[in-house]
Amino acid sequence: PDQLMEKYGLTENDIVTAAERAISRKNK
């Protein structure tokens, strides 16, 4: 499960990256 969640982009770090992208889009 951990290997797959990492490979397919479902980790806490992926959520962090997505949040930063969303904030950057909001601020444009």
PDB file of all heavy atoms in Angstrom:
ATOM      1  N   PRO A   1       0.803  -1.219   0.000  1.00  0.00           N
ATOM      2  CA  PRO A   1       0.000   0.000   0.000  1.00  0.00           C
ATOM      3  C   PRO A   1       0.842   1.278   0.000  1.00  0.00           C
ATOM      4  O   PRO A   1       0.552   2.218  -0.751  1.00  0.00           O
ATOM      5  CB  PRO A   1      -0.826  -0.141   1.282  1.00  0.00           C
ATOM      6  CG  PRO A   1      -1.002  -1.616   1.446  1.00  0.00           C
ATOM      7  CD  PRO A   1       0.307  -2.196   0.994  1.00  0.00           C
ATOM      8  N   ASP A   2       1.892   1.328   0.823  1.00  0.00           N
ATOM      9  CA  ASP A   2       2.720   2.532   0.886  1.00  0.00           C
ATOM     10  C   ASP A   2       3.422   2.792  -0.440  1.00  0.00           C
ATOM     11  O   ASP A   2       3.518   3.952  -0.888  1.00  0.00           O
ATOM     12  CB  ASP A   2       3.753   2.403   2.006  1.00  0.00           C
ATOM     13  CG  ASP A   2       3.125   2.561   3.385  1.00  0.00           C
ATOM     14  OD1 ASP A   2       1.979   3.050   3.474  1.00  0.00           O
ATOM     15  OD2 ASP A   2       3.787   2.181   4.382  1.00  0.00           O
ATOM     16  N   GLN A   3       3.927   1.745  -1.069  1.00  0.00           N
ATOM     17  CA  GLN A   3       4.587   1.916  -2.366  1.00  0.00           C
ATOM     18  C   GLN A   3       3.621   2.477  -3.405  1.00  0.00           C
ATOM     19  O   GLN A   3       3.976   3.377  -4.185  1.00  0.00           O
ATOM     20  CB  GLN A   3       5.137   0.575  -2.851  1.00  0.00           C
ATOM     21  CG  GLN A   3       6.353   0.075  -2.119  1.00  0.00           C
ATOM     22  CD  GLN A   3       6.729  -1.345  -2.528  1.00  0.00           C
ATOM     23  OE1 GLN A   3       5.884  -2.137  -2.978  1.00  0.00           O
ATOM     24  NE2 GLN A   3       7.999  -1.689  -2.368  1.00  0.00           N
ATOM     25  N   LEU A   4       2.412   1.954  -3.408  1.00  0.00           N
ATOM     26  CA  LEU A   4       1.438   2.374  -4.409  1.00  0.00           C
ATOM     27  C   LEU A   4       0.938   3.790  -4.153  1.00  0.00           C
ATOM     28  O   LEU A   4       0.757   4.570  -5.100  1.00  0.00           O
ATOM     29  CB  LEU A   4       0.272   1.385  -4.438  1.00  0.00           C
ATOM     30  CG  LEU A   4       0.639  -0.032  -4.881  1.00  0.00           C
ATOM     31  CD1 LEU A   4      -0.519  -0.989  -4.671  1.00  0.00           C
ATOM     32  CD2 LEU A   4       1.082  -0.052  -6.345  1.00  0.00           C
ATOM     33  N   MET A   5       0.713   4.123  -2.895  1.00  0.00           N
ATOM     34  CA  MET A   5       0.266   5.481  -2.588  1.00  0.00           C
ATOM     35  C   MET A   5       1.331   6.503  -2.983  1.00  0.00           C
ATOM     36  O   MET A   5       1.010   7.599  -3.459  1.00  0.00           O
ATOM     37  CB  MET A   5      -0.064   5.597  -1.100  1.00  0.00           C
ATOM     38  CG  MET A   5      -1.223   4.717  -0.649  1.00  0.00           C
ATOM     39  SD  MET A   5      -2.833   5.226  -1.263  1.00  0.00           S
ATOM     40  CE  MET A   5      -3.340   6.331   0.042  1.00  0.00           C
ATOM     41  N   GLU A   6       2.584   6.124  -2.824  1.00  0.00           N
ATOM     42  CA  GLU A   6       3.685   7.007  -3.232  1.00  0.00           C
ATOM     43  C   GLU A   6       3.747   7.132  -4.748  1.00  0.00           C
ATOM     44  O   GLU A   6       3.793   8.243  -5.299  1.00  0.00           O
ATOM     45  CB  GLU A   6       5.003   6.436  -2.691  1.00  0.00           C
ATOM     46  CG  GLU A   6       6.242   7.225  -3.096  1.00  0.00           C
ATOM     47  CD  GLU A   6       6.436   8.484  -2.275  1.00  0.00           C
ATOM     48  OE1 GLU A   6       6.037   8.505  -1.103  1.00  0.00           O
ATOM     49  OE2 GLU A   6       7.010   9.448  -2.835  1.00  0.00           O
ATOM     50  N   LYS A   7       3.721   6.009  -5.446  1.00  0.00           N
ATOM     51  CA  LYS A   7       3.862   6.033  -6.903  1.00  0.00           C
ATOM     52  C   LYS A   7       2.708   6.757  -7.586  1.00  0.00           C
ATOM     53  O   LYS A   7       2.916   7.473  -8.576  1.00  0.00           O
ATOM     54  CB  LYS A   7       3.961   4.601  -7.445  1.00  0.00           C
ATOM     55  CG  LYS A   7       4.059   4.567  -8.976  1.00  0.00           C
ATOM     56  CD  LYS A   7       4.353   3.184  -9.504  1.00  0.00           C
ATOM     57  CE  LYS A   7       4.444   3.225 -11.035  1.00  0.00           C
ATOM     58  NZ  LYS A   7       4.814   1.912 -11.607  1.00  0.00           N
ATOM     59  N   TYR A   8       1.491   6.593  -7.051  1.00  0.00           N
ATOM     60  CA  TYR A   8       0.324   7.161  -7.718  1.00  0.00           C
ATOM     61  C   TYR A   8      -0.102   8.518  -7.152  1.00  0.00           C
ATOM     62  O   TYR A   8      -1.168   9.026  -7.478  1.00  0.00           O
ATOM     63  CB  TYR A   8      -0.829   6.157  -7.678  1.00  0.00           C
ATOM     64  CG  TYR A   8      -0.578   4.978  -8.582  1.00  0.00           C
ATOM     65  CD1 TYR A   8       0.115   3.855  -8.114  1.00  0.00           C
ATOM     66  CD2 TYR A   8      -0.972   4.983  -9.914  1.00  0.00           C
ATOM     67  CE1 TYR A   8       0.386   2.778  -8.936  1.00  0.00           C
ATOM     68  CE2 TYR A   8      -0.713   3.906 -10.746  1.00  0.00           C
ATOM     69  CZ  TYR A   8      -0.032   2.808 -10.250  1.00  0.00           C
ATOM     70  OH  TYR A   8       0.239   1.736 -11.084  1.00  0.00           O
ATOM     71  N   GLY A   9       0.766   9.091  -6.324  1.00  0.00           N
ATOM     72  CA  GLY A   9       0.560  10.479  -5.916  1.00  0.00           C
ATOM     73  C   GLY A   9      -0.507  10.713  -4.884  1.00  0.00           C
ATOM     74  O   GLY A   9      -1.224  11.726  -4.956  1.00  0.00           O
ATOM     75  N   LEU A  10      -0.608   9.827  -3.874  1.00  0.00           N
ATOM     76  CA  LEU A  10      -1.653   9.954  -2.868  1.00  0.00           C
ATOM     77  C   LEU A  10      -1.071  10.086  -1.457  1.00  0.00           C
ATOM     78  O   LEU A  10      -1.639   9.580  -0.496  1.00  0.00           O
ATOM     79  CB  LEU A  10      -2.593   8.741  -2.920  1.00  0.00           C
ATOM     80  CG  LEU A  10      -3.262   8.427  -4.260  1.00  0.00           C
ATOM     81  CD1 LEU A  10      -4.208   7.245  -4.110  1.00  0.00           C
ATOM     82  CD2 LEU A  10      -4.018   9.633  -4.795  1.00  0.00           C
ATOM     83  N   THR A  11       0.038  10.798  -1.312  1.00  0.00           N
ATOM     84  CA  THR A  11       0.670  10.973  -0.012  1.00  0.00           C
ATOM     85  C   THR A  11       0.400  12.371   0.530  1.00  0.00           C
ATOM     86  O   THR A  11      -0.122  13.242  -0.165  1.00  0.00           O
ATOM     87  CB  THR A  11       2.187  10.777  -0.105  1.00  0.00           C
ATOM     88  OG1 THR A  11       2.749  11.874  -0.858  1.00  0.00           O
ATOM     89  CG2 THR A  11       2.543   9.467  -0.796  1.00  0.00           C
ATOM     90  N   GLU A  12       0.784  12.578   1.791  1.00  0.00           N
ATOM     91  CA  GLU A  12       0.639  13.911   2.382  1.00  0.00           C
ATOM     92  C   GLU A  12       1.441  14.964   1.622  1.00  0.00           C
ATOM     93  O   GLU A  12       1.021  16.117   1.496  1.00  0.00           O
ATOM     94  CB  GLU A  12       1.038  13.896   3.861  1.00  0.00           C
ATOM     95  CG  GLU A  12       2.455  13.454   4.153  1.00  0.00           C
ATOM     96  CD  GLU A  12       2.567  11.945   4.421  1.00  0.00           C
ATOM     97  OE1 GLU A  12       1.752  11.178   3.863  1.00  0.00           O
ATOM     98  OE2 GLU A  12       3.474  11.563   5.180  1.00  0.00           O
ATOM     99  N   ASN A  13       2.602  14.565   1.079  1.00  0.00           N
ATOM    100  CA  ASN A  13       3.406  15.522   0.313  1.00  0.00           C
ATOM    101  C   ASN A  13       2.718  15.923  -0.985  1.00  0.00           C
ATOM    102  O   ASN A  13       2.841  17.067  -1.439  1.00  0.00           O
ATOM    103  CB  ASN A  13       4.789  14.930   0.024  1.00  0.00           C
ATOM    104  CG  ASN A  13       5.637  14.823   1.278  1.00  0.00           C
ATOM    105  OD1 ASN A  13       5.587  15.684   2.152  1.00  0.00           O
ATOM    106  ND2 ASN A  13       6.413  13.753   1.393  1.00  0.00           N
ATOM    107  N   ASP A  14       1.983  14.991  -1.578  1.00  0.00           N
ATOM    108  CA  ASP A  14       1.218  15.331  -2.785  1.00  0.00           C
ATOM    109  C   ASP A  14       0.093  16.302  -2.458  1.00  0.00           C
ATOM    110  O   ASP A  14      -0.226  17.195  -3.261  1.00  0.00           O
ATOM    111  CB  ASP A  14       0.649  14.054  -3.417  1.00  0.00           C
ATOM    112  CG  ASP A  14       1.732  13.132  -3.932  1.00  0.00           C
ATOM    113  OD1 ASP A  14       2.482  13.550  -4.830  1.00  0.00           O
ATOM    114  OD2 ASP A  14       1.847  12.008  -3.423  1.00  0.00           O
ATOM    115  N   ILE A  15      -0.511  16.152  -1.287  1.00  0.00           N
ATOM    116  CA  ILE A  15      -1.553  17.094  -0.874  1.00  0.00           C
ATOM    117  C   ILE A  15      -0.953  18.477  -0.623  1.00  0.00           C
ATOM    118  O   ILE A  15      -1.541  19.499  -0.994  1.00  0.00           O
ATOM    119  CB  ILE A  15      -2.288  16.567   0.381  1.00  0.00           C
ATOM    120  CG1 ILE A  15      -3.009  15.250   0.054  1.00  0.00           C
ATOM    121  CG2 ILE A  15      -3.276  17.596   0.906  1.00  0.00           C
ATOM    122  CD1 ILE A  15      -3.641  14.565   1.257  1.00  0.00           C
ATOM    123  N   VAL A  16       0.231  18.517  -0.013  1.00  0.00           N
ATOM    124  CA  VAL A  16       0.923  19.791   0.206  1.00  0.00           C
ATOM    125  C   VAL A  16       1.187  20.493  -1.122  1.00  0.00           C
ATOM    126  O   VAL A  16       0.913  21.687  -1.285  1.00  0.00           O
ATOM    127  CB  VAL A  16       2.244  19.558   0.973  1.00  0.00           C
ATOM    128  CG1 VAL A  16       3.100  20.824   0.961  1.00  0.00           C
ATOM    129  CG2 VAL A  16       1.955  19.122   2.406  1.00  0.00           C
ATOM    130  N   THR A  17       1.722  19.753  -2.082  1.00  0.00           N
ATOM    131  CA  THR A  17       2.018  20.334  -3.399  1.00  0.00           C
ATOM    132  C   THR A  17       0.752  20.853  -4.066  1.00  0.00           C
ATOM    133  O   THR A  17       0.739  21.942  -4.659  1.00  0.00           O
ATOM    134  CB  THR A  17       2.693  19.284  -4.300  1.00  0.00           C
ATOM    135  OG1 THR A  17       3.908  18.855  -3.682  1.00  0.00           O
ATOM    136  CG2 THR A  17       2.997  19.854  -5.672  1.00  0.00           C
ATOM    137  N   ALA A  18      -0.329  20.078  -3.973  1.00  0.00           N
ATOM    138  CA  ALA A  18      -1.593  20.499  -4.563  1.00  0.00           C
ATOM    139  C   ALA A  18      -2.115  21.756  -3.891  1.00  0.00           C
ATOM    140  O   ALA A  18      -2.652  22.666  -4.556  1.00  0.00           O
ATOM    141  CB  ALA A  18      -2.614  19.371  -4.460  1.00  0.00           C
ATOM    142  N   ALA A  19      -1.974  21.844  -2.573  1.00  0.00           N
ATOM    143  CA  ALA A  19      -2.427  23.034  -1.850  1.00  0.00           C
ATOM    144  C   ALA A  19      -1.641  24.263  -2.279  1.00  0.00           C
ATOM    145  O   ALA A  19      -2.220  25.345  -2.493  1.00  0.00           O
ATOM    146  CB  ALA A  19      -2.282  22.812  -0.346  1.00  0.00           C
ATOM    147  N   GLU A  20      -0.350  24.111  -2.441  1.00  0.00           N
ATOM    148  CA  GLU A  20       0.477  25.248  -2.875  1.00  0.00           C
ATOM    149  C   GLU A  20       0.107  25.679  -4.293  1.00  0.00           C
ATOM    150  O   GLU A  20       0.091  26.890  -4.604  1.00  0.00           O
ATOM    151  CB  GLU A  20       1.958  24.865  -2.775  1.00  0.00           C
ATOM    152  CG  GLU A  20       2.436  24.708  -1.337  1.00  0.00           C
ATOM    153  CD  GLU A  20       3.847  24.159  -1.220  1.00  0.00           C
ATOM    154  OE1 GLU A  20       4.286  23.425  -2.148  1.00  0.00           O
ATOM    155  OE2 GLU A  20       4.500  24.454  -0.212  1.00  0.00           O
ATOM    156  N   ARG A  21      -0.211  24.735  -5.153  1.00  0.00           N
ATOM    157  CA  ARG A  21      -0.654  25.076  -6.517  1.00  0.00           C
ATOM    158  C   ARG A  21      -1.976  25.834  -6.485  1.00  0.00           C
ATOM    159  O   ARG A  21      -2.155  26.828  -7.194  1.00  0.00           O
ATOM    160  CB  ARG A  21      -0.801  23.827  -7.367  1.00  0.00           C
ATOM    161  CG  ARG A  21       0.490  23.252  -7.900  1.00  0.00           C
ATOM    162  CD  ARG A  21       0.238  22.320  -9.095  1.00  0.00           C
ATOM    163  NE  ARG A  21      -0.735  21.281  -8.783  1.00  0.00           N
ATOM    164  CZ  ARG A  21      -0.417  20.035  -8.397  1.00  0.00           C
ATOM    165  NH1 ARG A  21       0.857  19.713  -8.237  1.00  0.00           N
ATOM    166  NH2 ARG A  21      -1.353  19.143  -8.156  1.00  0.00           N
ATOM    167  N   ALA A  22      -2.911  25.349  -5.681  1.00  0.00           N
ATOM    168  CA  ALA A  22      -4.213  26.002  -5.585  1.00  0.00           C
ATOM    169  C   ALA A  22      -4.074  27.431  -5.082  1.00  0.00           C
ATOM    170  O   ALA A  22      -4.723  28.358  -5.601  1.00  0.00           O
ATOM    171  CB  ALA A  22      -5.138  25.194  -4.680  1.00  0.00           C
ATOM    172  N   ILE A  23      -3.234  27.613  -4.071  1.00  0.00           N
ATOM    173  CA  ILE A  23      -3.023  28.973  -3.520  1.00  0.00           C
ATOM    174  C   ILE A  23      -2.392  29.874  -4.554  1.00  0.00           C
ATOM    175  O   ILE A  23      -2.782  31.045  -4.700  1.00  0.00           O
ATOM    176  CB  ILE A  23      -2.171  28.885  -2.247  1.00  0.00           C
ATOM    177  CG1 ILE A  23      -2.949  28.177  -1.123  1.00  0.00           C
ATOM    178  CG2 ILE A  23      -1.724  30.263  -1.799  1.00  0.00           C
ATOM    179  CD1 ILE A  23      -2.097  27.804   0.074  1.00  0.00           C
ATOM    180  N   SER A  24      -1.422  29.369  -5.308  1.00  0.00           N
ATOM    181  CA  SER A  24      -0.764  30.191  -6.337  1.00  0.00           C
ATOM    182  C   SER A  24      -1.729  30.599  -7.427  1.00  0.00           C
ATOM    183  O   SER A  24      -1.658  31.726  -7.950  1.00  0.00           O
ATOM    184  CB  SER A  24       0.437  29.449  -6.922  1.00  0.00           C
ATOM    185  OG  SER A  24       0.018  28.338  -7.707  1.00  0.00           O
ATOM    186  N   ARG A  25      -2.640  29.732  -7.786  1.00  0.00           N
ATOM    187  CA  ARG A  25      -3.645  30.058  -8.802  1.00  0.00           C
ATOM    188  C   ARG A  25      -4.610  31.121  -8.285  1.00  0.00           C
ATOM    189  O   ARG A  25      -5.032  32.015  -9.012  1.00  0.00           O
ATOM    190  CB  ARG A  25      -4.410  28.803  -9.216  1.00  0.00           C
ATOM    191  CG  ARG A  25      -3.588  27.814 -10.017  1.00  0.00           C
ATOM    192  CD  ARG A  25      -4.350  26.510 -10.226  1.00  0.00           C
ATOM    193  NE  ARG A  25      -5.620  26.755 -10.916  1.00  0.00           N
ATOM    194  CZ  ARG A  25      -6.641  25.902 -10.920  1.00  0.00           C
ATOM    195  NH1 ARG A  25      -6.526  24.763 -10.242  1.00  0.00           N
ATOM    196  NH2 ARG A  25      -7.730  26.191 -11.565  1.00  0.00           N
ATOM    197  N   LYS A  26      -4.946  31.012  -7.002  1.00  0.00           N
ATOM    198  CA  LYS A  26      -5.858  31.998  -6.386  1.00  0.00           C
ATOM    199  C   LYS A  26      -5.229  33.388  -6.402  1.00  0.00           C
ATOM    200  O   LYS A  26      -5.949  34.383  -6.592  1.00  0.00           O
ATOM    201  CB  LYS A  26      -6.150  31.555  -4.948  1.00  0.00           C
ATOM    202  CG  LYS A  26      -6.944  32.565  -4.134  1.00  0.00           C
ATOM    203  CD  LYS A  26      -7.169  32.087  -2.708  1.00  0.00           C
ATOM    204  CE  LYS A  26      -5.905  32.000  -1.903  1.00  0.00           C
ATOM    205  NZ  LYS A  26      -6.164  31.733  -0.458  1.00  0.00           N
ATOM    206  N   ASN A  27      -3.930  33.439  -6.215  1.00  0.00           N
ATOM    207  CA  ASN A  27      -3.253  34.729  -6.054  1.00  0.00           C
ATOM    208  C   ASN A  27      -2.837  35.372  -7.363  1.00  0.00           C
ATOM    209  O   ASN A  27      -2.243  36.452  -7.363  1.00  0.00           O
ATOM    210  CB  ASN A  27      -2.042  34.545  -5.143  1.00  0.00           C
ATOM    211  CG  ASN A  27      -2.423  34.192  -3.722  1.00  0.00           C
ATOM    212  OD1 ASN A  27      -3.519  34.539  -3.269  1.00  0.00           O
ATOM    213  ND2 ASN A  27      -1.565  33.483  -3.013  1.00  0.00           N
ATOM    214  N   LYS A  28      -3.113  34.710  -8.480  1.00  0.00           N
ATOM    215  CA  LYS A  28      -2.721  35.301  -9.773  1.00  0.00           C
ATOM    216  C   LYS A  28      -3.671  36.438 -10.149  1.00  0.00           C
ATOM    217  O   LYS A  28      -4.860  36.369  -9.900  1.00  0.00           O
ATOM    218  CB  LYS A  28      -2.745  34.217 -10.863  1.00  0.00           C
ATOM    219  CG  LYS A  28      -1.541  33.295 -10.785  1.00  0.00           C
ATOM    220  CD  LYS A  28      -1.527  32.312 -11.952  1.00  0.00           C
ATOM    221  CE  LYS A  28      -0.292  31.405 -11.904  1.00  0.00           C
ATOM    222  NZ  LYS A  28      -0.266  30.419 -13.010  1.00  0.00           N
TER     223      LYS A  28
END
